Amino acid sequence: MNYKLRLLLLIFSLFLIKSCTEKNDLSYPIYDKNGFIKADGKFKRDQFIDTIYVYKEKDNDVYNDHFDTFIKIDSSKDNYFYGTETVEEKNTHKLFSKGIYRFKKSSDPKECYQSKLKTGYFEFHNIDGSLYSKKQYKIKGDSSYVVEN
């Protein structure tokens, strides 16, 4: 009896280890028309989860070489999910800009990414870290517009 119990426990342990270590790659890259990856994130069912890493759009775009851009997915509600975009200088990690995007849920990751609209406040900062400008965005239909104060 002791032998059968140990064998059963060993089989169960092996099954548990295999199920926990199975590769479950949810990564989904989005390419631009020239074949460069413009965004990469984990996608599950109808939305991105965790973080979307955004890359420069053109291979010769020197400006974007100096910045890291990522969108941290914050929340999900009804037909939308939301993420905070952060742009920071690569070497110093100083904040350049920060703002919120709303995405439409869809089973197509590319459609989700392309549906992003600015909402809430977007901040831009000077090199010394001080606030340069701050704009508020609202969404109406499928468009985002600046709210005049």
Protein backbone atom coordinates (compact mmCIF):
# COMPACT_ATOMS: atom_id res chain seq x y z
CA MET A 1 0.00 0.00 0.00
CA ASN A 2 2.79 2.40 0.88
CA TYR A 3 4.44 1.69 -2.50
CA LYS A 4 1.20 2.43 -4.43
CA LEU A 5 0.65 5.66 -2.53
CA ARG A 6 4.20 6.83 -3.26
CA LEU A 7 3.83 5.97 -6.94
CA LEU A 8 0.53 7.83 -7.14
CA LEU A 9 2.05 10.84 -5.38
CA LEU A 10 5.04 10.79 -7.77
CA ILE A 11 2.78 10.68 -10.83
CA PHE A 12 0.64 13.51 -9.48
CA SER A 13 3.77 15.59 -8.73
CA LEU A 14 5.14 15.06 -12.24
CA PHE A 15 1.80 16.04 -13.76
CA LEU A 16 1.66 19.17 -11.58
CA ILE A 17 5.23 20.19 -12.47
CA LYS A 18 4.59 19.67 -16.19
CA SER A 19 1.39 21.74 -16.14
CA CYS A 20 3.09 24.57 -14.24
CA THR A 21 6.14 24.72 -16.50
CA GLU A 22 4.35 24.40 -19.85
CA LYS A 23 5.25 27.27 -22.12
CA ASN A 24 2.25 29.52 -22.47
CA ASP A 25 3.56 32.27 -24.74
CA LEU A 26 0.98 35.04 -24.93
CA SER A 27 3.36 37.46 -26.63
CA TYR A 28 1.95 39.12 -29.72
CA PRO A 29 4.05 41.46 -31.89
CA ILE A 30 2.41 44.06 -34.14
CA TYR A 31 4.28 45.02 -37.30
CA ASP A 32 4.19 48.22 -39.33
CA LYS A 33 3.85 48.24 -43.12
CA ASN A 34 7.66 47.99 -43.52
CA GLY A 35 7.90 44.82 -41.44
CA PHE A 36 9.33 46.43 -38.28
CA ILE A 37 7.83 45.56 -34.91
CA LYS A 38 6.02 48.66 -33.67
CA ALA A 39 4.52 47.11 -30.53
CA ASP A 40 4.78 43.89 -28.57
CA GLY A 41 2.66 42.75 -25.68
CA LYS A 42 0.91 39.81 -24.10
CA PHE A 43 -2.55 39.24 -25.52
CA LYS A 44 -5.26 37.07 -24.01
CA ARG A 45 -8.77 36.51 -25.40
CA ASP A 46 -9.85 40.07 -26.26
CA GLN A 47 -7.29 42.42 -24.77
CA PHE A 48 -3.63 43.06 -24.00
CA ILE A 49 -2.53 42.22 -20.49
CA ASP A 50 0.45 43.46 -18.48
CA THR A 51 2.64 45.79 -20.62
CA ILE A 52 2.80 46.80 -24.29
CA TYR A 53 6.29 47.78 -25.42
CA VAL A 54 6.22 50.38 -28.20
CA TYR A 55 9.10 50.68 -30.66
CA LYS A 56 10.18 53.39 -33.06
CA GLU A 57 8.11 53.50 -36.21
CA LYS A 58 10.92 54.04 -38.71
CA ASP A 59 14.34 52.43 -38.74
CA ASN A 60 16.01 55.82 -39.34
CA ASP A 61 13.97 57.73 -36.73
CA VAL A 62 16.81 59.14 -34.58
CA TYR A 63 14.44 60.96 -32.18
CA ASN A 64 12.85 57.73 -30.95
CA ASP A 65 16.28 56.13 -30.41
CA HIS A 66 16.62 58.20 -27.24
CA PHE A 67 13.37 57.10 -25.58
CA ASP A 68 11.75 53.96 -24.18
CA THR A 69 7.99 53.82 -24.58
CA PHE A 70 5.66 51.37 -22.87
CA ILE A 71 1.98 51.15 -21.98
CA LYS A 72 1.16 49.49 -18.67
CA ILE A 73 -2.34 48.00 -18.81
CA ASP A 74 -4.19 49.34 -15.76
CA SER A 75 -7.79 48.21 -15.94
CA SER A 76 -10.56 46.65 -17.96
CA LYS A 77 -14.23 47.58 -18.02
CA ASP A 78 -17.05 46.50 -20.32
CA ASN A 79 -15.88 46.73 -23.97
CA TYR A 80 -12.66 48.64 -23.21
CA PHE A 81 -9.33 48.33 -21.43
CA TYR A 82 -7.04 51.13 -20.31
CA GLY A 83 -3.31 51.65 -20.12
CA THR A 84 -0.89 54.35 -18.99
CA GLU A 85 1.76 55.23 -21.57
CA THR A 86 5.12 56.26 -20.18
CA VAL A 87 7.91 57.70 -22.32
CA GLU A 88 11.27 58.05 -20.63
CA GLU A 89 14.81 58.88 -21.73
CA LYS A 90 16.78 55.65 -22.25
CA ASN A 91 19.99 56.57 -20.45
CA THR A 92 18.71 58.62 -17.50
CA HIS A 93 15.19 57.12 -17.22
CA LYS A 94 13.83 60.63 -16.71
CA LEU A 95 10.15 61.00 -17.51
CA PHE A 96 9.40 62.67 -20.86
CA SER A 97 5.64 62.15 -21.07
CA LYS A 98 2.82 60.22 -19.46
CA GLY A 99 -0.83 59.71 -20.34
CA ILE A 100 -3.78 57.29 -20.50
CA TYR A 101 -5.10 55.42 -23.53
CA ARG A 102 -8.39 53.60 -23.98
CA PHE A 103 -8.46 50.53 -26.22
CA LYS A 104 -11.45 48.64 -27.64
CA LYS A 105 -11.58 44.96 -26.82
CA SER A 106 -11.38 42.64 -29.82
CA SER A 107 -10.22 39.11 -30.61
CA ASP A 108 -7.76 40.69 -33.11
CA PRO A 109 -4.69 42.13 -31.29
CA LYS A 110 -3.82 44.49 -34.15
CA GLU A 111 -7.36 45.92 -34.12
CA CYS A 112 -7.12 46.40 -30.34
CA TYR A 113 -3.83 48.26 -30.61
CA GLN A 114 -5.01 50.47 -33.47
CA SER A 115 -8.14 51.46 -31.52
CA LYS A 116 -6.15 53.38 -28.88
CA LEU A 117 -7.47 56.83 -28.02
CA LYS A 118 -6.09 59.40 -25.59
CA THR A 119 -8.22 60.01 -22.51
CA GLY A 120 -7.61 61.90 -19.29
CA TYR A 121 -4.47 63.96 -18.76
CA PHE A 122 -1.29 63.81 -20.86
CA GLU A 123 1.80 65.43 -19.35
CA PHE A 124 5.02 66.48 -21.07
CA HIS A 125 8.16 67.23 -19.05
CA ASN A 126 11.31 69.30 -19.55
CA ILE A 127 14.78 67.76 -19.36
CA ASP A 128 15.07 68.84 -15.71
CA GLY A 129 11.85 66.95 -14.87
CA SER A 130 9.62 70.01 -14.47
CA LEU A 131 6.19 69.98 -16.10
CA TYR A 132 6.24 71.52 -19.59
CA SER A 133 2.56 71.10 -20.51
CA LYS A 134 -0.55 69.22 -19.47
CA LYS A 135 -3.60 68.60 -21.66
CA GLN A 136 -6.86 66.87 -20.90
CA TYR A 137 -8.45 64.59 -23.51
CA LYS A 138 -12.01 63.31 -23.78
CA ILE A 139 -13.39 60.62 -26.04
CA LYS A 140 -16.50 61.14 -28.11
CA GLY A 141 -17.47 58.25 -30.37
CA ASP A 142 -14.31 57.01 -32.06
CA SER A 143 -12.35 60.24 -31.62
CA SER A 144 -10.31 61.88 -28.92
CA TYR A 145 -10.16 65.64 -28.52
CA VAL A 146 -8.48 68.19 -26.26
CA VAL A 147 -10.69 69.75 -23.59
CA GLU A 148 -10.26 73.52 -23.56
CA ASN A 149 -9.99 74.94 -20.05
